Amino acid sequence: MKKVLLVVTLLFVSLLQAQDFEFLKKAYRSDIAFTREFADAVAINFKGDYTFLSSRESKRGDVYSIIYIPKLASEETLKGIKESPDYAYSSECKECLQLRFKVFVEGGNNDFEIAGTKKYMFNMFSGKFLDLFPFWKKYVAPNDVAEALSEKGYGSMRDNQNKVIFNFRRDSSGWYIQNYSDRITQ
């Protein structure tokens, strides 16, 4: 009986510590509605007090950005972002959290005049470590420890079976989480 209880407990604990692969895989080929659902799943764990600013597609049509700003952002910051001609790549707001999705058309064929369906693949988001880490821990790498990840400067999760690859890195401008799942044949 003790062995059965131990096995059940270990199974339960492992399920609690599992990545949410279905949620991450949905972000690989999503519709426009899911982009906001995904962004809100990130934003709900922010340490600071942020609010949704807006979303827009880049002028080239290849990137879709969703931006959250600190509730206490200055009017100058707000104005700079809103007036940026293509804020999919805007650096106007260093304290903002910006999620980027690659935009592509699935099933289209110009030769047969088939328009196809616009799809969105989560690409990356950047922000402060303490705002990004809760998402990383909840959905990607539940066993990672914040202090060790911060000290190392990066974390990576690759699961070929579930076809997901995510990196959590620090660079000269701050922290970002990036999806590399498109490098695995889907």
N, C-alpha and C. Protein backbone atom coordinates (compact mmCIF):
# COMPACT_ATOMS: atom_id res chain seq x y z
N MET A 1 0.83 -1.20 0.00
CA MET A 1 0.00 0.00 0.00
C MET A 1 0.87 1.26 0.00
N LYS A 2 1.98 1.21 0.76
CA LYS A 2 2.87 2.37 0.81
C LYS A 2 3.48 2.64 -0.56
N LYS A 3 3.82 1.57 -1.29
CA LYS A 3 4.40 1.74 -2.62
C LYS A 3 3.40 2.37 -3.58
N VAL A 4 2.16 1.93 -3.50
CA VAL A 4 1.11 2.48 -4.36
C VAL A 4 0.91 3.96 -4.05
N LEU A 5 0.87 4.28 -2.78
CA LEU A 5 0.71 5.68 -2.36
C LEU A 5 1.89 6.53 -2.83
N LEU A 6 3.10 5.98 -2.74
CA LEU A 6 4.29 6.69 -3.19
C LEU A 6 4.23 6.94 -4.71
N VAL A 7 3.86 5.93 -5.47
CA VAL A 7 3.77 6.06 -6.92
C VAL A 7 2.71 7.10 -7.30
N VAL A 8 1.56 7.06 -6.65
CA VAL A 8 0.48 8.02 -6.93
C VAL A 8 0.95 9.44 -6.59
N THR A 9 1.63 9.59 -5.46
CA THR A 9 2.12 10.90 -5.05
C THR A 9 3.15 11.43 -6.05
N LEU A 10 4.09 10.58 -6.46
CA LEU A 10 5.09 11.00 -7.44
C LEU A 10 4.46 11.36 -8.77
N LEU A 11 3.47 10.60 -9.20
CA LEU A 11 2.77 10.91 -10.44
C LEU A 11 2.05 12.25 -10.33
N PHE A 12 1.40 12.49 -9.22
CA PHE A 12 0.67 13.74 -9.00
C PHE A 12 1.63 14.93 -9.00
N VAL A 13 2.76 14.79 -8.31
CA VAL A 13 3.75 15.87 -8.24
C VAL A 13 4.33 16.13 -9.63
N SER A 14 4.59 15.07 -10.39
CA SER A 14 5.14 15.28 -11.72
C SER A 14 4.14 15.97 -12.64
N LEU A 15 2.86 15.70 -12.47
CA LEU A 15 1.84 16.38 -13.26
C LEU A 15 1.76 17.86 -12.89
N LEU A 16 1.93 18.16 -11.62
CA LEU A 16 1.92 19.55 -11.19
C LEU A 16 3.11 20.32 -11.75
N GLN A 17 4.22 19.63 -11.94
CA GLN A 17 5.44 20.27 -12.42
C GLN A 17 5.60 20.18 -13.94
N ALA A 18 4.60 19.74 -14.65
CA ALA A 18 4.71 19.56 -16.11
C ALA A 18 4.52 20.86 -16.85
N GLN A 19 5.17 20.95 -17.99
CA GLN A 19 4.99 22.10 -18.85
C GLN A 19 3.59 22.03 -19.47
N ASP A 20 3.11 23.17 -19.89
CA ASP A 20 1.82 23.22 -20.55
C ASP A 20 2.06 23.23 -22.06
N PHE A 21 2.42 22.06 -22.61
CA PHE A 21 2.77 21.96 -24.02
C PHE A 21 1.62 22.33 -24.94
N GLU A 22 0.39 21.97 -24.57
CA GLU A 22 -0.74 22.29 -25.44
C GLU A 22 -0.89 23.80 -25.61
N PHE A 23 -0.74 24.53 -24.52
CA PHE A 23 -0.83 25.99 -24.59
C PHE A 23 0.29 26.56 -25.45
N LEU A 24 1.51 26.06 -25.26
CA LEU A 24 2.65 26.54 -26.02
C LEU A 24 2.51 26.19 -27.50
N LYS A 25 2.00 25.00 -27.80
CA LYS A 25 1.83 24.58 -29.19
C LYS A 25 0.73 25.38 -29.89
N LYS A 26 -0.27 25.81 -29.15
CA LYS A 26 -1.32 26.65 -29.74
C LYS A 26 -0.73 27.95 -30.25
N ALA A 27 0.31 28.41 -29.59
CA ALA A 27 0.95 29.68 -29.97
C ALA A 27 1.79 29.53 -31.24
N TYR A 28 1.88 28.32 -31.77
CA TYR A 28 2.66 28.10 -32.98
C TYR A 28 1.89 28.49 -34.24
N ARG A 29 0.61 28.19 -34.28
CA ARG A 29 -0.25 28.53 -35.43
C ARG A 29 -1.60 28.97 -34.89
N SER A 30 -1.68 30.20 -34.47
CA SER A 30 -2.90 30.66 -33.82
C SER A 30 -3.66 31.66 -34.69
N ASP A 31 -4.88 31.93 -34.26
CA ASP A 31 -5.64 33.00 -34.89
C ASP A 31 -5.42 34.27 -34.08
N ILE A 32 -5.98 35.36 -34.56
CA ILE A 32 -5.76 36.66 -33.92
C ILE A 32 -6.29 36.69 -32.50
N ALA A 33 -7.39 36.00 -32.23
CA ALA A 33 -7.96 35.99 -30.88
C ALA A 33 -7.01 35.34 -29.88
N PHE A 34 -6.32 34.28 -30.29
CA PHE A 34 -5.42 33.60 -29.37
C PHE A 34 -4.20 34.45 -29.04
N THR A 35 -3.80 35.35 -29.95
CA THR A 35 -2.64 36.19 -29.64
C THR A 35 -2.89 37.00 -28.37
N ARG A 36 -4.09 37.52 -28.23
CA ARG A 36 -4.41 38.30 -27.03
C ARG A 36 -4.54 37.39 -25.81
N GLU A 37 -5.11 36.20 -25.98
CA GLU A 37 -5.22 35.24 -24.87
C GLU A 37 -3.82 34.87 -24.38
N PHE A 38 -2.92 34.63 -25.31
CA PHE A 38 -1.55 34.29 -24.96
C PHE A 38 -0.87 35.46 -24.25
N ALA A 39 -1.05 36.66 -24.81
CA ALA A 39 -0.45 37.86 -24.21
C ALA A 39 -0.98 38.09 -22.80
N ASP A 40 -2.27 37.90 -22.60
CA ASP A 40 -2.85 38.08 -21.27
C ASP A 40 -2.32 37.04 -20.29
N ALA A 41 -2.03 35.82 -20.77
CA ALA A 41 -1.45 34.79 -19.89
C ALA A 41 -0.08 35.21 -19.42
N VAL A 42 0.63 35.94 -20.24
CA VAL A 42 1.93 36.48 -19.84
C VAL A 42 1.71 37.64 -18.87
N ALA A 43 0.84 38.56 -19.25
CA ALA A 43 0.64 39.79 -18.49
C ALA A 43 0.07 39.56 -17.10
N ILE A 44 -0.72 38.53 -16.92
CA ILE A 44 -1.36 38.30 -15.62
C ILE A 44 -0.32 38.03 -14.52
N ASN A 45 0.86 37.62 -14.93
CA ASN A 45 1.91 37.30 -13.95
C ASN A 45 2.92 38.42 -13.74
N PHE A 46 2.69 39.56 -14.35
CA PHE A 46 3.63 40.67 -14.17
C PHE A 46 3.74 41.05 -12.70
N LYS A 47 4.94 41.38 -12.30
CA LYS A 47 5.15 41.82 -10.93
C LYS A 47 4.64 43.25 -10.75
N GLY A 48 4.88 44.08 -11.76
CA GLY A 48 4.44 45.47 -11.70
C GLY A 48 2.98 45.62 -12.08
N ASP A 49 2.51 46.83 -12.03
CA ASP A 49 1.12 47.14 -12.36
C ASP A 49 1.07 47.66 -13.80
N TYR A 50 0.71 46.77 -14.72
CA TYR A 50 0.70 47.08 -16.15
C TYR A 50 -0.72 47.09 -16.68
N THR A 51 -0.86 47.74 -17.84
CA THR A 51 -2.15 47.76 -18.52
C THR A 51 -1.92 47.58 -20.02
N PHE A 52 -2.89 47.00 -20.69
CA PHE A 52 -2.82 46.81 -22.13
C PHE A 52 -2.85 48.17 -22.81
N LEU A 53 -1.92 48.42 -23.72
CA LEU A 53 -1.91 49.68 -24.47
C LEU A 53 -2.61 49.47 -25.81
N SER A 54 -2.08 48.60 -26.64
CA SER A 54 -2.70 48.33 -27.93
C SER A 54 -1.96 47.22 -28.64
N SER A 55 -2.44 46.92 -29.81
CA SER A 55 -1.79 45.93 -30.66
C SER A 55 -1.87 46.43 -32.09
N ARG A 56 -0.89 46.00 -32.89
CA ARG A 56 -0.92 46.38 -34.30
C ARG A 56 0.06 45.53 -35.08
N GLU A 57 -0.24 45.45 -36.36
CA GLU A 57 0.62 44.74 -37.28
C GLU A 57 1.65 45.72 -37.83
N SER A 58 2.86 45.24 -38.05
CA SER A 58 3.91 46.10 -38.61
C SER A 58 3.54 46.51 -40.03
N LYS A 59 4.17 47.55 -40.51
CA LYS A 59 3.88 48.04 -41.87
C LYS A 59 4.18 46.98 -42.92
N ARG A 60 5.19 46.18 -42.69
CA ARG A 60 5.53 45.11 -43.64
C ARG A 60 4.53 43.96 -43.55
N GLY A 61 3.77 43.90 -42.46
CA GLY A 61 2.77 42.86 -42.30
C GLY A 61 3.31 41.53 -41.82
N ASP A 62 4.57 41.51 -41.37
CA ASP A 62 5.17 40.25 -40.95
C ASP A 62 5.28 40.08 -39.44
N VAL A 63 4.95 41.13 -38.69
CA VAL A 63 5.02 41.08 -37.23
C VAL A 63 3.76 41.72 -36.64
N TYR A 64 3.22 41.04 -35.64
CA TYR A 64 2.06 41.57 -34.91
C TYR A 64 2.52 41.76 -33.47
N SER A 65 2.38 42.97 -32.95
CA SER A 65 2.86 43.29 -31.60
C SER A 65 1.71 43.63 -30.68
N ILE A 66 1.83 43.20 -29.44
CA ILE A 66 0.90 43.56 -28.38
C ILE A 66 1.74 44.19 -27.28
N ILE A 67 1.34 45.39 -26.84
CA ILE A 67 2.15 46.12 -25.87
C ILE A 67 1.36 46.41 -24.60
N TYR A 68 2.01 46.15 -23.47
CA TYR A 68 1.51 46.50 -22.14
C TYR A 68 2.47 47.53 -21.57
N ILE A 69 1.90 48.52 -20.91
CA ILE A 69 2.74 49.58 -20.33
C ILE A 69 2.50 49.66 -18.83
N PRO A 70 3.46 50.17 -18.10
CA PRO A 70 3.23 50.41 -16.68
C PRO A 70 2.09 51.42 -16.52
N LYS A 71 1.24 51.20 -15.56
CA LYS A 71 0.12 52.13 -15.35
C LYS A 71 0.62 53.54 -15.05
N LEU A 72 1.82 53.64 -14.53
CA LEU A 72 2.38 54.95 -14.20
C LEU A 72 3.30 55.50 -15.29
N ALA A 73 3.19 54.99 -16.52
CA ALA A 73 4.03 55.47 -17.62
C ALA A 73 3.75 56.95 -17.89
N SER A 74 4.79 57.64 -18.25
CA SER A 74 4.65 59.08 -18.51
C SER A 74 3.89 59.33 -19.81
N GLU A 75 3.32 60.50 -19.92
CA GLU A 75 2.61 60.90 -21.14
C GLU A 75 3.59 60.93 -22.32
N GLU A 76 4.83 61.32 -22.05
CA GLU A 76 5.84 61.37 -23.09
C GLU A 76 6.10 59.97 -23.66
N THR A 77 6.18 58.98 -22.78
CA THR A 77 6.37 57.59 -23.22
C THR A 77 5.19 57.13 -24.06
N LEU A 78 3.98 57.39 -23.57
CA LEU A 78 2.77 57.01 -24.32
C LEU A 78 2.74 57.65 -25.70
N LYS A 79 3.05 58.91 -25.76
CA LYS A 79 3.04 59.64 -27.02
C LYS A 79 4.09 59.07 -27.98
N GLY A 80 5.27 58.78 -27.46
CA GLY A 80 6.34 58.23 -28.29
C GLY A 80 5.97 56.90 -28.91
N ILE A 81 5.32 56.05 -28.14
CA ILE A 81 4.92 54.75 -28.66
C ILE A 81 3.82 54.91 -29.70
N LYS A 82 2.82 55.69 -29.38
CA LYS A 82 1.68 55.85 -30.29
C LYS A 82 2.09 56.52 -31.61
N GLU A 83 3.08 57.41 -31.56
CA GLU A 83 3.50 58.11 -32.76
C GLU A 83 4.58 57.36 -33.54
N SER A 84 5.13 56.31 -32.97
CA SER A 84 6.14 55.53 -33.66
C SER A 84 5.53 54.94 -34.93
N PRO A 85 6.15 55.14 -36.08
CA PRO A 85 5.55 54.69 -37.33
C PRO A 85 5.38 53.17 -37.40
N ASP A 86 6.20 52.44 -36.69
CA ASP A 86 6.11 50.99 -36.75
C ASP A 86 6.52 50.42 -35.40
N TYR A 87 5.64 50.55 -34.41
CA TYR A 87 6.09 50.18 -33.08
C TYR A 87 6.24 48.70 -32.85
N ALA A 88 6.08 47.90 -33.88
CA ALA A 88 6.41 46.49 -33.74
C ALA A 88 7.89 46.35 -33.37
N TYR A 89 8.68 47.36 -33.72
CA TYR A 89 10.10 47.35 -33.38
C TYR A 89 10.48 48.55 -32.52
N SER A 90 9.50 49.17 -31.92
CA SER A 90 9.73 50.40 -31.18
C SER A 90 10.59 50.17 -29.95
N SER A 91 11.52 51.08 -29.74
CA SER A 91 12.33 51.04 -28.51
C SER A 91 11.97 52.24 -27.64
N GLU A 92 10.81 52.81 -27.90
CA GLU A 92 10.36 54.00 -27.18
C GLU A 92 10.12 53.73 -25.70
N CYS A 93 9.81 52.52 -25.36
CA CYS A 93 9.42 52.23 -23.98
C CYS A 93 10.26 51.09 -23.42
N LYS A 94 11.30 51.43 -22.72
CA LYS A 94 12.18 50.42 -22.13
C LYS A 94 11.49 49.64 -21.02
N GLU A 95 10.51 50.25 -20.35
CA GLU A 95 9.84 49.56 -19.24
C GLU A 95 8.57 48.83 -19.67
N CYS A 96 8.25 48.88 -20.95
CA CYS A 96 7.06 48.19 -21.45
C CYS A 96 7.32 46.70 -21.64
N LEU A 97 6.26 45.95 -21.73
CA LEU A 97 6.37 44.56 -22.10
C LEU A 97 5.74 44.43 -23.48
N GLN A 98 6.50 43.91 -24.41
CA GLN A 98 6.04 43.80 -25.79
C GLN A 98 6.10 42.35 -26.23
N LEU A 99 5.00 41.84 -26.73
CA LEU A 99 4.95 40.49 -27.28
C LEU A 99 4.89 40.60 -28.79
N ARG A 100 5.68 39.78 -29.45
CA ARG A 100 5.72 39.80 -30.91
C ARG A 100 5.32 38.43 -31.46
N PHE A 101 4.53 38.48 -32.51
CA PHE A 101 4.11 37.27 -33.22
C PHE A 101 4.52 37.40 -34.67
N LYS A 102 5.05 36.33 -35.26
CA LYS A 102 5.30 36.31 -36.69
C LYS A 102 3.96 36.13 -37.38
N VAL A 103 3.76 36.84 -38.48
CA VAL A 103 2.53 36.75 -39.25
C VAL A 103 2.83 36.00 -40.55
N PHE A 104 2.02 35.01 -40.86
CA PHE A 104 2.19 34.27 -42.11
C PHE A 104 0.83 33.83 -42.62
N VAL A 105 0.79 33.44 -43.88
CA VAL A 105 -0.45 32.98 -44.49
C VAL A 105 -0.32 31.48 -44.73
N GLU A 106 -1.31 30.75 -44.24
CA GLU A 106 -1.31 29.30 -44.37
C GLU A 106 -2.35 28.88 -45.41
N GLY A 107 -1.95 28.01 -46.30
CA GLY A 107 -2.89 27.47 -47.29
C GLY A 107 -3.13 28.36 -48.48
N GLY A 108 -2.38 29.42 -48.63
CA GLY A 108 -2.57 30.32 -49.77
C GLY A 108 -1.80 29.84 -50.99
N ASN A 109 -2.31 30.20 -52.17
CA ASN A 109 -1.64 29.87 -53.41
C ASN A 109 -2.01 30.91 -54.44
N ASN A 110 -1.07 31.78 -54.77
CA ASN A 110 -1.33 32.86 -55.73
C ASN A 110 -1.71 32.33 -57.11
N ASP A 111 -1.09 31.24 -57.54
CA ASP A 111 -1.38 30.69 -58.86
C ASP A 111 -2.85 30.29 -59.01
N PHE A 112 -3.43 29.79 -57.95
CA PHE A 112 -4.83 29.36 -57.99
C PHE A 112 -5.77 30.38 -57.35
N GLU A 113 -5.23 31.56 -57.07
CA GLU A 113 -5.99 32.65 -56.46
C GLU A 113 -6.69 32.23 -55.17
N ILE A 114 -5.94 31.48 -54.36
CA ILE A 114 -6.42 31.07 -53.05
C ILE A 114 -5.75 31.97 -52.02
N ALA A 115 -6.56 32.72 -51.29
CA ALA A 115 -6.03 33.71 -50.35
C ALA A 115 -5.32 33.08 -49.15
N GLY A 116 -5.80 31.98 -48.65
CA GLY A 116 -5.22 31.38 -47.46
C GLY A 116 -5.73 32.05 -46.19
N THR A 117 -5.23 31.60 -45.07
CA THR A 117 -5.67 32.10 -43.77
C THR A 117 -4.48 32.70 -43.03
N LYS A 118 -4.67 33.91 -42.54
CA LYS A 118 -3.61 34.57 -41.78
C LYS A 118 -3.46 33.87 -40.43
N LYS A 119 -2.23 33.53 -40.09
CA LYS A 119 -1.91 32.86 -38.84
C LYS A 119 -0.82 33.64 -38.11
N TYR A 120 -0.72 33.37 -36.81
CA TYR A 120 0.24 34.07 -35.96
C TYR A 120 1.01 33.06 -35.15
N MET A 121 2.33 33.23 -35.14
CA MET A 121 3.19 32.37 -34.33
C MET A 121 3.89 33.24 -33.29
N PHE A 122 3.70 32.89 -32.02
CA PHE A 122 4.41 33.63 -30.98
C PHE A 122 5.89 33.56 -31.29
N ASN A 123 6.54 34.72 -31.29
CA ASN A 123 7.96 34.79 -31.57
C ASN A 123 8.75 35.11 -30.30
N MET A 124 8.45 36.25 -29.67
CA MET A 124 9.21 36.61 -28.47
C MET A 124 8.51 37.69 -27.68
N PHE A 125 8.90 37.81 -26.43
CA PHE A 125 8.51 38.97 -25.65
C PHE A 125 9.67 39.36 -24.77
N SER A 126 9.72 40.64 -24.50
CA SER A 126 10.82 41.18 -23.71
C SER A 126 10.27 42.00 -22.57
N GLY A 127 11.08 42.16 -21.55
CA GLY A 127 10.68 42.92 -20.38
C GLY A 127 11.64 42.69 -19.23
N LYS A 128 11.18 42.99 -18.05
CA LYS A 128 11.99 42.80 -16.86
C LYS A 128 11.96 41.33 -16.45
N PHE A 129 13.08 40.87 -15.89
CA PHE A 129 13.20 39.46 -15.47
C PHE A 129 12.04 39.04 -14.58
N LEU A 130 11.73 39.85 -13.57
CA LEU A 130 10.69 39.47 -12.61
C LEU A 130 9.30 39.45 -13.22
N ASP A 131 9.10 40.11 -14.35
CA ASP A 131 7.82 40.05 -15.05
C ASP A 131 7.74 38.82 -15.95
N LEU A 132 8.87 38.41 -16.52
CA LEU A 132 8.89 37.29 -17.47
C LEU A 132 9.02 35.93 -16.80
N PHE A 133 9.73 35.88 -15.69
CA PHE A 133 10.02 34.59 -15.05
C PHE A 133 8.76 33.80 -14.66
N PRO A 134 7.71 34.42 -14.13
CA PRO A 134 6.52 33.62 -13.78
C PRO A 134 5.93 32.85 -14.97
N PHE A 135 5.91 33.46 -16.15
CA PHE A 135 5.43 32.75 -17.34
C PHE A 135 6.35 31.58 -17.66
N TRP A 136 7.65 31.83 -17.63
CA TRP A 136 8.64 30.79 -17.90
C TRP A 136 8.45 29.60 -16.96
N LYS A 137 8.28 29.89 -15.69
CA LYS A 137 8.14 28.83 -14.70
C LYS A 137 6.81 28.09 -14.85
N LYS A 138 5.74 28.80 -15.11
CA LYS A 138 4.42 28.18 -15.21
C LYS A 138 4.24 27.35 -16.47
N TYR A 139 4.68 27.87 -17.62
CA TYR A 139 4.39 27.21 -18.89
C TYR A 139 5.55 26.46 -19.53
N VAL A 140 6.78 26.87 -19.21
CA VAL A 140 7.91 26.33 -19.97
C VAL A 140 8.81 25.44 -19.13
N ALA A 141 9.34 25.94 -18.04
CA ALA A 141 10.33 25.20 -17.25
C ALA A 141 10.02 25.29 -15.77
N PRO A 142 9.07 24.49 -15.29
CA PRO A 142 8.61 24.61 -13.91
C PRO A 142 9.67 24.31 -12.85
N ASN A 143 10.74 23.65 -13.23
CA ASN A 143 11.76 23.32 -12.24
C ASN A 143 12.90 24.34 -12.18
N ASP A 144 12.90 25.33 -13.05
CA ASP A 144 13.94 26.35 -13.01
C ASP A 144 13.81 27.23 -11.77
N VAL A 145 14.93 27.66 -11.26
CA VAL A 145 15.00 28.52 -10.08
C VAL A 145 15.43 29.91 -10.53
N ALA A 146 14.70 30.92 -10.10
CA ALA A 146 14.93 32.29 -10.55
C ALA A 146 16.37 32.74 -10.35
N GLU A 147 16.92 32.52 -9.17
CA GLU A 147 18.26 32.99 -8.86
C GLU A 147 19.30 32.34 -9.76
N ALA A 148 19.18 31.03 -10.00
CA ALA A 148 20.14 30.33 -10.85
C ALA A 148 20.03 30.81 -12.30
N LEU A 149 18.81 30.99 -12.77
CA LEU A 149 18.58 31.46 -14.14
C LEU A 149 19.14 32.87 -14.33
N SER A 150 18.90 33.74 -13.37
CA SER A 150 19.39 35.11 -13.43
C SER A 150 20.91 35.15 -13.43
N GLU A 151 21.51 34.34 -12.59
CA GLU A 151 22.97 34.31 -12.50
C GLU A 151 23.58 33.79 -13.80
N LYS A 152 23.00 32.75 -14.36
CA LYS A 152 23.50 32.15 -15.59
C LYS A 152 23.26 33.08 -16.79
N GLY A 153 22.16 33.81 -16.77
CA GLY A 153 21.84 34.73 -17.86
C GLY A 153 21.03 34.12 -18.99
N TYR A 154 20.70 32.85 -18.86
CA TYR A 154 19.89 32.21 -19.89
C TYR A 154 19.30 30.90 -19.38
N GLY A 155 18.23 30.48 -20.03
CA GLY A 155 17.63 29.18 -19.79
C GLY A 155 17.09 28.69 -21.12
N SER A 156 17.02 27.39 -21.28
CA SER A 156 16.54 26.83 -22.53
C SER A 156 15.73 25.58 -22.26
N MET A 157 14.68 25.38 -23.05
CA MET A 157 13.88 24.17 -22.96
C MET A 157 13.61 23.69 -24.37
N ARG A 158 14.00 22.46 -24.63
CA ARG A 158 13.75 21.83 -25.93
C ARG A 158 13.09 20.48 -25.68
N ASP A 159 11.97 20.27 -26.33
CA ASP A 159 11.28 19.00 -26.24
C ASP A 159 10.90 18.58 -27.66
N ASN A 160 11.70 17.69 -28.26
CA ASN A 160 11.46 17.27 -29.64
C ASN A 160 10.15 16.51 -29.79
N GLN A 161 9.79 15.74 -28.79
CA GLN A 161 8.56 14.96 -28.87
C GLN A 161 7.34 15.89 -28.99
N ASN A 162 7.32 16.96 -28.19
CA ASN A 162 6.21 17.91 -28.24
C ASN A 162 6.46 19.05 -29.22
N LYS A 163 7.63 19.05 -29.84
CA LYS A 163 7.99 20.02 -30.87
C LYS A 163 7.95 21.46 -30.38
N VAL A 164 8.60 21.69 -29.24
CA VAL A 164 8.70 23.05 -28.72
C VAL A 164 10.14 23.34 -28.27
N ILE A 165 10.58 24.55 -28.58
CA ILE A 165 11.89 25.05 -28.14
C ILE A 165 11.68 26.49 -27.69
N PHE A 166 12.07 26.77 -26.45
CA PHE A 166 11.99 28.13 -25.91
C PHE A 166 13.30 28.47 -25.24
N ASN A 167 13.71 29.73 -25.38
CA ASN A 167 14.88 30.25 -24.68
C ASN A 167 14.48 31.46 -23.86
N PHE A 168 15.14 31.61 -22.72
CA PHE A 168 14.96 32.76 -21.84
C PHE A 168 16.35 33.34 -21.67
N ARG A 169 16.58 34.55 -22.18
CA ARG A 169 17.93 35.11 -22.21
C ARG A 169 17.98 36.57 -21.80
N ARG A 170 19.17 36.94 -21.39
CA ARG A 170 19.47 38.35 -21.11
C ARG A 170 20.41 38.83 -22.21
N ASP A 171 20.13 40.02 -22.72
CA ASP A 171 21.07 40.66 -23.63
C ASP A 171 21.29 42.09 -23.16
N SER A 172 21.93 42.91 -23.97
CA SER A 172 22.27 44.26 -23.54
C SER A 172 21.06 45.14 -23.24
N SER A 173 19.90 44.81 -23.81
CA SER A 173 18.71 45.64 -23.58
C SER A 173 17.77 45.07 -22.52
N GLY A 174 18.04 43.91 -22.00
CA GLY A 174 17.19 43.32 -20.96
C GLY A 174 16.95 41.84 -21.19
N TRP A 175 15.79 41.36 -20.73
CA TRP A 175 15.45 39.94 -20.81
C TRP A 175 14.40 39.68 -21.88
N TYR A 176 14.46 38.51 -22.46
CA TYR A 176 13.43 38.12 -23.42
C TYR A 176 13.24 36.61 -23.41
N ILE A 177 12.05 36.19 -23.77
CA ILE A 177 11.71 34.78 -23.97
C ILE A 177 11.38 34.64 -25.46
N GLN A 178 12.04 33.69 -26.11
CA GLN A 178 11.84 33.52 -27.54
C GLN A 178 11.47 32.09 -27.89
N ASN A 179 10.57 31.97 -28.85
CA ASN A 179 10.09 30.69 -29.34
C ASN A 179 10.89 30.30 -30.58
N TYR A 180 11.52 29.15 -30.53
CA TYR A 180 12.25 28.63 -31.68
C TYR A 180 11.61 27.34 -32.20
N SER A 181 10.36 27.12 -31.89
CA SER A 181 9.68 25.88 -32.26
C SER A 181 9.58 25.70 -33.77
N ASP A 182 9.68 26.76 -34.53
CA ASP A 182 9.61 26.63 -35.98
C ASP A 182 10.86 25.97 -36.55
N ARG A 183 11.86 25.75 -35.73
CA ARG A 183 13.07 25.07 -36.18
C ARG A 183 12.92 23.55 -36.14
N ILE A 184 11.82 23.09 -35.54
CA ILE A 184 11.52 21.66 -35.53
C ILE A 184 10.41 21.43 -36.54
N THR A 185 10.56 20.44 -37.38
CA THR A 185 9.52 20.14 -38.37
C THR A 185 8.23 19.82 -37.65
N GLN A 186 7.19 20.57 -37.98
CA GLN A 186 5.89 20.41 -37.30
C GLN A 186 5.10 19.33 -37.91
